[in-house]
Amino acid sequence: MRHFFRTQLTPVDVLRIADTFFPTVPLERNGHTARSRTFSGALGTLNLAVRKEGGHYTFVEISTDQMGESRLDRNAKKFFVELHRTGDPAHRIEAAY
């Protein structure tokens, strides 16, 4: 499954947050480059890539080896919430109903 998110955080900040977030899932970091990370564990394998996009935005793409809405995919979405909270700590995420 593929997920993406745009943030105003720098790619370095996104990767730093990923390095602290995903080991708590628990996933171990298997591979990395300057703009990507690979995490794997009992839940599956997650590939994260970041790139600058359109000036001040950073495009974050996560792909997993799971089908449908797995636990790994839900944790990827929680990671996006963590990025949102870091980028805008004053914003409160609320239900839309």
PDB file of N, CA and C in Angstrom:
ATOM      1  N   MET A   1       0.852  -1.168   0.000  1.00  0.00           N
ATOM      2  CA  MET A   1       0.000   0.000   0.000  1.00  0.00           C
ATOM      3  C   MET A   1       0.901   1.235   0.000  1.00  0.00           C
ATOM      4  N   ARG A   2       0.463   2.283  -0.675  1.00  0.00           N
ATOM      5  CA  ARG A   2       1.245   3.515  -0.743  1.00  0.00           C
ATOM      6  C   ARG A   2       0.480   4.651  -0.077  1.00  0.00           C
ATOM      7  N   HIS A   3       1.221   5.454   0.662  1.00  0.00           N
ATOM      8  CA  HIS A   3       0.673   6.623   1.337  1.00  0.00           C
ATOM      9  C   HIS A   3       1.603   7.795   1.069  1.00  0.00           C
ATOM     10  N   PHE A   4       1.049   9.010   1.038  1.00  0.00           N
ATOM     11  CA  PHE A   4       1.904  10.182   0.884  1.00  0.00           C
ATOM     12  C   PHE A   4       1.383  11.321   1.737  1.00  0.00           C
ATOM     13  N   PHE A   5       2.283  12.268   2.017  1.00  0.00           N
ATOM     14  CA  PHE A   5       1.986  13.407   2.878  1.00  0.00           C
ATOM     15  C   PHE A   5       2.911  14.548   2.477  1.00  0.00           C
ATOM     16  N   ARG A   6       2.382  15.749   2.494  1.00  0.00           N
ATOM     17  CA  ARG A   6       3.209  16.939   2.235  1.00  0.00           C
ATOM     18  C   ARG A   6       3.333  17.720   3.533  1.00  0.00           C
ATOM     19  N   THR A   7       4.533  18.160   3.827  1.00  0.00           N
ATOM     20  CA  THR A   7       4.786  18.896   5.057  1.00  0.00           C
ATOM     21  C   THR A   7       5.752  20.034   4.780  1.00  0.00           C
ATOM     22  N   GLN A   8       5.788  20.985   5.702  1.00  0.00           N
ATOM     23  CA  GLN A   8       6.747  22.083   5.582  1.00  0.00           C
ATOM     24  C   GLN A   8       8.031  21.797   6.351  1.00  0.00           C
ATOM     25  N   LEU A   9       8.115  20.643   6.994  1.00  0.00           N
ATOM     26  CA  LEU A   9       9.350  20.242   7.659  1.00  0.00           C
ATOM     27  C   LEU A   9      10.412  19.935   6.616  1.00  0.00           C
ATOM     28  N   THR A  10      11.662  20.054   6.993  1.00  0.00           N
ATOM     29  CA  THR A  10      12.742  19.716   6.069  1.00  0.00           C
ATOM     30  C   THR A  10      12.879  18.193   5.971  1.00  0.00           C
ATOM     31  N   PRO A  11      13.453  17.689   4.889  1.00  0.00           N
ATOM     32  CA  PRO A  11      13.661  16.246   4.780  1.00  0.00           C
ATOM     33  C   PRO A  11      14.490  15.670   5.934  1.00  0.00           C
ATOM     34  N   VAL A  12      15.466  16.418   6.413  1.00  0.00           N
ATOM     35  CA  VAL A  12      16.289  15.961   7.534  1.00  0.00           C
ATOM     36  C   VAL A  12      15.431  15.778   8.790  1.00  0.00           C
ATOM     37  N   ASP A  13      14.524  16.723   9.034  1.00  0.00           N
ATOM     38  CA  ASP A  13      13.633  16.610  10.191  1.00  0.00           C
ATOM     39  C   ASP A  13      12.695  15.416  10.066  1.00  0.00           C
ATOM     40  N   VAL A  14      12.163  15.193   8.863  1.00  0.00           N
ATOM     41  CA  VAL A  14      11.254  14.060   8.639  1.00  0.00           C
ATOM     42  C   VAL A  14      11.977  12.747   8.919  1.00  0.00           C
ATOM     43  N   LEU A  15      13.194  12.606   8.430  1.00  0.00           N
ATOM     44  CA  LEU A  15      13.946  11.366   8.643  1.00  0.00           C
ATOM     45  C   LEU A  15      14.340  11.202  10.111  1.00  0.00           C
ATOM     46  N   ARG A  16      14.637  12.291  10.789  1.00  0.00           N
ATOM     47  CA  ARG A  16      14.959  12.229  12.224  1.00  0.00           C
ATOM     48  C   ARG A  16      13.750  11.745  13.020  1.00  0.00           C
ATOM     49  N   ILE A  17      12.574  12.261  12.687  1.00  0.00           N
ATOM     50  CA  ILE A  17      11.352  11.834  13.367  1.00  0.00           C
ATOM     51  C   ILE A  17      11.061  10.370  13.056  1.00  0.00           C
ATOM     52  N   ALA A  18      11.280   9.949  11.818  1.00  0.00           N
ATOM     53  CA  ALA A  18      11.065   8.548  11.439  1.00  0.00           C
ATOM     54  C   ALA A  18      11.998   7.620  12.211  1.00  0.00           C
ATOM     55  N   ASP A  19      13.240   8.049  12.396  1.00  0.00           N
ATOM     56  CA  ASP A  19      14.209   7.215  13.114  1.00  0.00           C
ATOM     57  C   ASP A  19      13.838   7.022  14.578  1.00  0.00           C
ATOM     58  N   THR A  20      13.073   7.946  15.148  1.00  0.00           N
ATOM     59  CA  THR A  20      12.630   7.777  16.533  1.00  0.00           C
ATOM     60  C   THR A  20      11.238   7.167  16.631  1.00  0.00           C
ATOM     61  N   PHE A  21      10.384   7.375  15.614  1.00  0.00           N
ATOM     62  CA  PHE A  21       9.006   6.884  15.674  1.00  0.00           C
ATOM     63  C   PHE A  21       8.897   5.382  15.392  1.00  0.00           C
ATOM     64  N   PHE A  22       9.478   4.919  14.312  1.00  0.00           N
ATOM     65  CA  PHE A  22       9.240   3.537  13.879  1.00  0.00           C
ATOM     66  C   PHE A  22       9.875   2.470  14.772  1.00  0.00           C
ATOM     67  N   PRO A  23      10.982   2.698  15.456  1.00  0.00           N
ATOM     68  CA  PRO A  23      11.450   1.675  16.399  1.00  0.00           C
ATOM     69  C   PRO A  23      10.486   1.425  17.563  1.00  0.00           C
ATOM     70  N   THR A  24       9.576   2.356  17.851  1.00  0.00           N
ATOM     71  CA  THR A  24       8.593   2.134  18.916  1.00  0.00           C
ATOM     72  C   THR A  24       7.445   1.251  18.450  1.00  0.00           C
ATOM     73  N   VAL A  25       7.331   0.975  17.156  1.00  0.00           N
ATOM     74  CA  VAL A  25       6.191   0.226  16.596  1.00  0.00           C
ATOM     75  C   VAL A  25       6.173  -1.263  16.938  1.00  0.00           C
ATOM     76  N   PRO A  26       7.091  -2.102  16.966  1.00  0.00           N
ATOM     77  CA  PRO A  26       8.544  -2.060  16.777  1.00  0.00           C
ATOM     78  C   PRO A  26       8.961  -2.505  15.376  1.00  0.00           C
ATOM     79  N   LEU A  27       9.730  -1.659  14.742  1.00  0.00           N
ATOM     80  CA  LEU A  27      10.350  -1.961  13.454  1.00  0.00           C
ATOM     81  C   LEU A  27      11.825  -1.582  13.552  1.00  0.00           C
ATOM     82  N   GLU A  28      12.663  -2.386  12.944  1.00  0.00           N
ATOM     83  CA  GLU A  28      14.096  -2.096  12.939  1.00  0.00           C
ATOM     84  C   GLU A  28      14.489  -1.466  11.617  1.00  0.00           C
ATOM     85  N   ARG A  29      15.419  -0.524  11.675  1.00  0.00           N
ATOM     86  CA  ARG A  29      15.903   0.110  10.454  1.00  0.00           C
ATOM     87  C   ARG A  29      16.891  -0.821   9.776  1.00  0.00           C
ATOM     88  N   ASN A  30      16.576  -1.207   8.536  1.00  0.00           N
ATOM     89  CA  ASN A  30      17.435  -2.128   7.793  1.00  0.00           C
ATOM     90  C   ASN A  30      18.327  -1.424   6.790  1.00  0.00           C
ATOM     91  N   GLY A  31      17.804  -0.411   6.155  1.00  0.00           N
ATOM     92  CA  GLY A  31      18.584   0.287   5.149  1.00  0.00           C
ATOM     93  C   GLY A  31      18.287   1.764   5.185  1.00  0.00           C
ATOM     94  N   HIS A  32      19.227   2.552   4.695  1.00  0.00           N
ATOM     95  CA  HIS A  32      18.996   3.989   4.647  1.00  0.00           C
ATOM     96  C   HIS A  32      19.912   4.634   3.617  1.00  0.00           C
ATOM     97  N   THR A  33      19.429   5.746   3.093  1.00  0.00           N
ATOM     98  CA  THR A  33      20.232   6.631   2.259  1.00  0.00           C
ATOM     99  C   THR A  33      20.012   8.036   2.803  1.00  0.00           C
ATOM    100  N   ALA A  34      20.488   9.021   2.089  1.00  0.00           N
ATOM    101  CA  ALA A  34      20.319  10.395   2.547  1.00  0.00           C
ATOM    102  C   ALA A  34      18.859  10.841   2.507  1.00  0.00           C
ATOM    103  N   ARG A  35      18.024  10.181   1.695  1.00  0.00           N
ATOM    104  CA  ARG A  35      16.627  10.586   1.550  1.00  0.00           C
ATOM    105  C   ARG A  35      15.634   9.440   1.696  1.00  0.00           C
ATOM    106  N   SER A  36      16.047   8.310   2.252  1.00  0.00           N
ATOM    107  CA  SER A  36      15.103   7.200   2.410  1.00  0.00           C
ATOM    108  C   SER A  36      15.477   6.325   3.603  1.00  0.00           C
ATOM    109  N   ARG A  37      14.499   5.573   4.053  1.00  0.00           N
ATOM    110  CA  ARG A  37      14.687   4.612   5.134  1.00  0.00           C
ATOM    111  C   ARG A  37      13.888   3.360   4.814  1.00  0.00           C
ATOM    112  N   THR A  38      14.371   2.215   5.271  1.00  0.00           N
ATOM    113  CA  THR A  38      13.647   0.954   5.188  1.00  0.00           C
ATOM    114  C   THR A  38      13.579   0.374   6.585  1.00  0.00           C
ATOM    115  N   PHE A  39      12.353   0.084   7.032  1.00  0.00           N
ATOM    116  CA  PHE A  39      12.118  -0.506   8.339  1.00  0.00           C
ATOM    117  C   PHE A  39      11.407  -1.833   8.143  1.00  0.00           C
ATOM    118  N   SER A  40      11.742  -2.832   8.959  1.00  0.00           N
ATOM    119  CA  SER A  40      11.040  -4.106   8.866  1.00  0.00           C
ATOM    120  C   SER A  40      10.921  -4.725  10.250  1.00  0.00           C
ATOM    121  N   GLY A  41       9.949  -5.606  10.378  1.00  0.00           N
ATOM    122  CA  GLY A  41       9.697  -6.278  11.643  1.00  0.00           C
ATOM    123  C   GLY A  41       8.581  -7.282  11.464  1.00  0.00           C
ATOM    124  N   ALA A  42       7.953  -7.658  12.567  1.00  0.00           N
ATOM    125  CA  ALA A  42       6.883  -8.650  12.531  1.00  0.00           C
ATOM    126  C   ALA A  42       5.665  -8.164  11.746  1.00  0.00           C
ATOM    127  N   LEU A  43       5.468  -6.862  11.654  1.00  0.00           N
ATOM    128  CA  LEU A  43       4.316  -6.312  10.934  1.00  0.00           C
ATOM    129  C   LEU A  43       4.524  -6.274   9.427  1.00  0.00           C
ATOM    130  N   GLY A  44       5.770  -6.312   8.965  1.00  0.00           N
ATOM    131  CA  GLY A  44       6.070  -6.243   7.536  1.00  0.00           C
ATOM    132  C   GLY A  44       7.219  -5.290   7.271  1.00  0.00           C
ATOM    133  N   THR A  45       7.303  -4.850   6.022  1.00  0.00           N
ATOM    134  CA  THR A  45       8.375  -3.949   5.600  1.00  0.00           C
ATOM    135  C   THR A  45       7.787  -2.618   5.159  1.00  0.00           C
ATOM    136  N   LEU A  46       8.412  -1.544   5.587  1.00  0.00           N
ATOM    137  CA  LEU A  46       7.976  -0.192   5.270  1.00  0.00           C
ATOM    138  C   LEU A  46       9.138   0.549   4.635  1.00  0.00           C
ATOM    139  N   ASN A  47       8.888   1.171   3.482  1.00  0.00           N
ATOM    140  CA  ASN A  47       9.889   1.989   2.798  1.00  0.00           C
ATOM    141  C   ASN A  47       9.429   3.434   2.843  1.00  0.00           C
ATOM    142  N   LEU A  48      10.294   4.327   3.311  1.00  0.00           N
ATOM    143  CA  LEU A  48       9.982   5.742   3.427  1.00  0.00           C
ATOM    144  C   LEU A  48      10.954   6.528   2.558  1.00  0.00           C
ATOM    145  N   ALA A  49      10.429   7.443   1.754  1.00  0.00           N
ATOM    146  CA  ALA A  49      11.271   8.294   0.914  1.00  0.00           C
ATOM    147  C   ALA A  49      10.786   9.731   1.037  1.00  0.00           C
ATOM    148  N   VAL A  50      11.716  10.680   1.051  1.00  0.00           N
ATOM    149  CA  VAL A  50      11.382  12.103   1.126  1.00  0.00           C
ATOM    150  C   VAL A  50      12.081  12.840  -0.005  1.00  0.00           C
ATOM    151  N   ARG A  51      11.432  13.894  -0.481  1.00  0.00           N
ATOM    152  CA  ARG A  51      12.055  14.748  -1.494  1.00  0.00           C
ATOM    153  C   ARG A  51      11.438  16.136  -1.407  1.00  0.00           C
ATOM    154  N   LYS A  52      12.228  17.137  -1.752  1.00  0.00           N
ATOM    155  CA  LYS A  52      11.733  18.515  -1.791  1.00  0.00           C
ATOM    156  C   LYS A  52      10.773  18.643  -2.966  1.00  0.00           C
ATOM    157  N   GLU A  53       9.714  19.425  -2.738  1.00  0.00           N
ATOM    158  CA  GLU A  53       8.711  19.581  -3.781  1.00  0.00           C
ATOM    159  C   GLU A  53       8.138  20.989  -3.725  1.00  0.00           C
ATOM    160  N   GLY A  54       8.148  21.673  -4.825  1.00  0.00           N
ATOM    161  CA  GLY A  54       7.476  22.956  -4.937  1.00  0.00           C
ATOM    162  C   GLY A  54       7.950  24.021  -3.976  1.00  0.00           C
ATOM    163  N   GLY A  55       9.234  24.169  -3.818  1.00  0.00           N
ATOM    164  CA  GLY A  55       9.759  25.231  -2.966  1.00  0.00           C
ATOM    165  C   GLY A  55       9.922  24.816  -1.526  1.00  0.00           C
ATOM    166  N   HIS A  56       8.931  25.120  -0.681  1.00  0.00           N
ATOM    167  CA  HIS A  56       9.095  24.885   0.751  1.00  0.00           C
ATOM    168  C   HIS A  56       8.409  23.621   1.246  1.00  0.00           C
ATOM    169  N   TYR A  57       7.864  22.812   0.369  1.00  0.00           N
ATOM    170  CA  TYR A  57       7.221  21.572   0.794  1.00  0.00           C
ATOM    171  C   TYR A  57       8.163  20.385   0.680  1.00  0.00           C
ATOM    172  N   THR A  58       7.951  19.416   1.559  1.00  0.00           N
ATOM    173  CA  THR A  58       8.649  18.141   1.493  1.00  0.00           C
ATOM    174  C   THR A  58       7.603  17.063   1.241  1.00  0.00           C
ATOM    175  N   PHE A  59       7.815  16.265   0.216  1.00  0.00           N
ATOM    176  CA  PHE A  59       6.903  15.179  -0.135  1.00  0.00           C
ATOM    177  C   PHE A  59       7.404  13.910   0.554  1.00  0.00           C
ATOM    178  N   VAL A  60       6.552  13.305   1.375  1.00  0.00           N
ATOM    179  CA  VAL A  60       6.897  12.093   2.118  1.00  0.00           C
ATOM    180  C   VAL A  60       6.065  10.961   1.542  1.00  0.00           C
ATOM    181  N   GLU A  61       6.728   9.906   1.075  1.00  0.00           N
ATOM    182  CA  GLU A  61       6.027   8.753   0.509  1.00  0.00           C
ATOM    183  C   GLU A  61       6.396   7.503   1.304  1.00  0.00           C
ATOM    184  N   ILE A  62       5.368   6.764   1.705  1.00  0.00           N
ATOM    185  CA  ILE A  62       5.561   5.507   2.425  1.00  0.00           C
ATOM    186  C   ILE A  62       4.897   4.400   1.627  1.00  0.00           C
ATOM    187  N   SER A  63       5.613   3.324   1.424  1.00  0.00           N
ATOM    188  CA  SER A  63       5.022   2.134   0.811  1.00  0.00           C
ATOM    189  C   SER A  63       5.290   0.947   1.723  1.00  0.00           C
ATOM    190  N   THR A  64       4.280   0.088   1.840  1.00  0.00           N
ATOM    191  CA  THR A  64       4.391  -1.105   2.679  1.00  0.00           C
ATOM    192  C   THR A  64       4.158  -2.331   1.818  1.00  0.00           C
ATOM    193  N   ASP A  65       4.550  -3.483   2.337  1.00  0.00           N
ATOM    194  CA  ASP A  65       4.333  -4.724   1.607  1.00  0.00           C
ATOM    195  C   ASP A  65       3.036  -5.413   2.039  1.00  0.00           C
ATOM    196  N   GLN A  66       2.156  -4.683   2.705  1.00  0.00           N
ATOM    197  CA  GLN A  66       0.909  -5.240   3.214  1.00  0.00           C
ATOM    198  C   GLN A  66      -0.258  -4.880   2.296  1.00  0.00           C
ATOM    199  N   MET A  67      -1.275  -5.715   2.316  1.00  0.00           N
ATOM    200  CA  MET A  67      -2.486  -5.471   1.533  1.00  0.00           C
ATOM    201  C   MET A  67      -3.536  -4.816   2.419  1.00  0.00           C
ATOM    202  N   GLY A  68      -4.289  -3.894   1.853  1.00  0.00           N
ATOM    203  CA  GLY A  68      -5.401  -3.297   2.582  1.00  0.00           C
ATOM    204  C   GLY A  68      -4.955  -2.446   3.757  1.00  0.00           C
ATOM    205  N   GLU A  69      -5.817  -2.364   4.749  1.00  0.00           N
ATOM    206  CA  GLU A  69      -5.572  -1.524   5.924  1.00  0.00           C
ATOM    207  C   GLU A  69      -4.972  -2.375   7.034  1.00  0.00           C
ATOM    208  N   SER A  70      -3.675  -2.576   7.001  1.00  0.00           N
ATOM    209  CA  SER A  70      -2.994  -3.398   7.999  1.00  0.00           C
ATOM    210  C   SER A  70      -2.552  -2.538   9.181  1.00  0.00           C
ATOM    211  N   ARG A  71      -2.048  -3.194  10.216  1.00  0.00           N
ATOM    212  CA  ARG A  71      -1.503  -2.467  11.365  1.00  0.00           C
ATOM    213  C   ARG A  71      -0.330  -1.587  10.954  1.00  0.00           C
ATOM    214  N   LEU A  72       0.459  -2.071  10.019  1.00  0.00           N
ATOM    215  CA  LEU A  72       1.600  -1.294   9.547  1.00  0.00           C
ATOM    216  C   LEU A  72       1.129  -0.023   8.845  1.00  0.00           C
ATOM    217  N   ASP A  73       0.078  -0.116   8.047  1.00  0.00           N
ATOM    218  CA  ASP A  73      -0.461   1.057   7.366  1.00  0.00           C
ATOM    219  C   ASP A  73      -1.044   2.054   8.362  1.00  0.00           C
ATOM    220  N   ARG A  74      -1.693   1.568   9.399  1.00  0.00           N
ATOM    221  CA  ARG A  74      -2.229   2.474  10.420  1.00  0.00           C
ATOM    222  C   ARG A  74      -1.101   3.203  11.149  1.00  0.00           C
ATOM    223  N   ASN A  75       0.005   2.507  11.385  1.00  0.00           N
ATOM    224  CA  ASN A  75       1.148   3.166  12.015  1.00  0.00           C
ATOM    225  C   ASN A  75       1.786   4.187  11.081  1.00  0.00           C
ATOM    226  N   ALA A  76       1.754   3.933   9.786  1.00  0.00           N
ATOM    227  CA  ALA A  76       2.251   4.924   8.823  1.00  0.00           C
ATOM    228  C   ALA A  76       1.408   6.192   8.902  1.00  0.00           C
ATOM    229  N   LYS A  77       0.097   6.037   9.024  1.00  0.00           N
ATOM    230  CA  LYS A  77      -0.782   7.208   9.148  1.00  0.00           C
ATOM    231  C   LYS A  77      -0.543   7.927  10.479  1.00  0.00           C
ATOM    232  N   LYS A  78      -0.261   7.181  11.538  1.00  0.00           N
ATOM    233  CA  LYS A  78       0.073   7.812  12.825  1.00  0.00           C
ATOM    234  C   LYS A  78       1.366   8.610  12.705  1.00  0.00           C
ATOM    235  N   PHE A  79       2.301   8.112  11.893  1.00  0.00           N
ATOM    236  CA  PHE A  79       3.537   8.851  11.651  1.00  0.00           C
ATOM    237  C   PHE A  79       3.244  10.181  10.965  1.00  0.00           C
ATOM    238  N   PHE A  80       2.314  10.187  10.004  1.00  0.00           N
ATOM    239  CA  PHE A  80       1.934  11.438   9.349  1.00  0.00           C
ATOM    240  C   PHE A  80       1.314  12.420  10.347  1.00  0.00           C
ATOM    241  N   VAL A  81       0.526  11.910  11.296  1.00  0.00           N
ATOM    242  CA  VAL A  81      -0.038  12.774  12.342  1.00  0.00           C
ATOM    243  C   VAL A  81       1.091  13.357  13.194  1.00  0.00           C
ATOM    244  N   GLU A  82       2.093  12.542  13.489  1.00  0.00           N
ATOM    245  CA  GLU A  82       3.248  13.027  14.255  1.00  0.00           C
ATOM    246  C   GLU A  82       3.982  14.137  13.492  1.00  0.00           C
ATOM    247  N   LEU A  83       4.115  13.978  12.174  1.00  0.00           N
ATOM    248  CA  LEU A  83       4.730  15.032  11.363  1.00  0.00           C
ATOM    249  C   LEU A  83       3.887  16.305  11.416  1.00  0.00           C
ATOM    250  N   HIS A  84       2.570  16.154  11.337  1.00  0.00           N
ATOM    251  CA  HIS A  84       1.684  17.307  11.377  1.00  0.00           C
ATOM    252  C   HIS A  84       1.784  18.026  12.719  1.00  0.00           C
ATOM    253  N   ARG A  85       1.820  17.266  13.798  1.00  0.00           N
ATOM    254  CA  ARG A  85       1.946  17.868  15.132  1.00  0.00           C
ATOM    255  C   ARG A  85       3.276  18.588  15.300  1.00  0.00           C
ATOM    256  N   THR A  86       4.332  18.029  14.753  1.00  0.00           N
ATOM    257  CA  THR A  86       5.649  18.666  14.852  1.00  0.00           C
ATOM    258  C   THR A  86       5.688  19.945  14.024  1.00  0.00           C
ATOM    259  N   GLY A  87       5.100  19.910  12.839  1.00  0.00           N
ATOM    260  CA  GLY A  87       5.110  21.078  11.966  1.00  0.00           C
ATOM    261  C   GLY A  87       4.233  22.213  12.451  1.00  0.00           C
ATOM    262  N   ASP A  88       3.125  21.882  13.129  1.00  0.00           N
ATOM    263  CA  ASP A  88       2.194  22.891  13.620  1.00  0.00           C
ATOM    264  C   ASP A  88       1.676  22.468  14.990  1.00  0.00           C
ATOM    265  N   PRO A  89       2.461  22.690  16.058  1.00  0.00           N
ATOM    266  CA  PRO A  89       2.075  22.212  17.378  1.00  0.00           C
ATOM    267  C   PRO A  89       0.810  22.848  17.935  1.00  0.00           C
ATOM    268  N   ALA A  90       0.413  24.016  17.447  1.00  0.00           N
ATOM    269  CA  ALA A  90      -0.785  24.685  17.976  1.00  0.00           C
ATOM    270  C   ALA A  90      -2.072  24.119  17.374  1.00  0.00           C
ATOM    271  N   HIS A  91      -1.985  23.422  16.236  1.00  0.00           N
ATOM    272  CA  HIS A  91      -3.168  22.897  15.571  1.00  0.00           C
ATOM    273  C   HIS A  91      -3.720  21.680  16.301  1.00  0.00           C
ATOM    274  N   ARG A  92      -5.020  21.672  16.515  1.00  0.00           N
ATOM    275  CA  ARG A  92      -5.670  20.522  17.157  1.00  0.00           C
ATOM    276  C   ARG A  92      -6.413  19.727  16.111  1.00  0.00           C
ATOM    277  N   ILE A  93      -6.131  18.449  16.028  1.00  0.00           N
ATOM    278  CA  ILE A  93      -6.830  17.569  15.093  1.00  0.00           C
ATOM    279  C   ILE A  93      -8.092  17.077  15.783  1.00  0.00           C
ATOM    280  N   GLU A  94      -9.257  17.347  15.157  1.00  0.00           N
ATOM    281  CA  GLU A  94     -10.537  16.975  15.727  1.00  0.00           C
ATOM    282  C   GLU A  94     -11.365  16.217  14.705  1.00  0.00           C
ATOM    283  N   ALA A  95     -12.335  15.467  15.190  1.00  0.00           N
ATOM    284  CA  ALA A  95     -13.249  14.752  14.312  1.00  0.00           C
ATOM    285  C   ALA A  95     -14.112  15.763  13.553  1.00  0.00           C
ATOM    286  N   ALA A  96     -14.503  15.418  12.338  1.00  0.00           N
ATOM    287  CA  ALA A  96     -15.239  16.340  11.488  1.00  0.00           C
ATOM    288  C   ALA A  96     -16.748  16.104  11.531  1.00  0.00           C
ATOM    289  N   TYR A  97     -17.247  15.503  12.586  1.00  0.00           N
ATOM    290  CA  TYR A  97     -18.694  15.284  12.670  1.00  0.00           C
ATOM    291  C   TYR A  97     -19.297  15.938  13.850  1.00  0.00           C
TER     292      TYR A  97
END
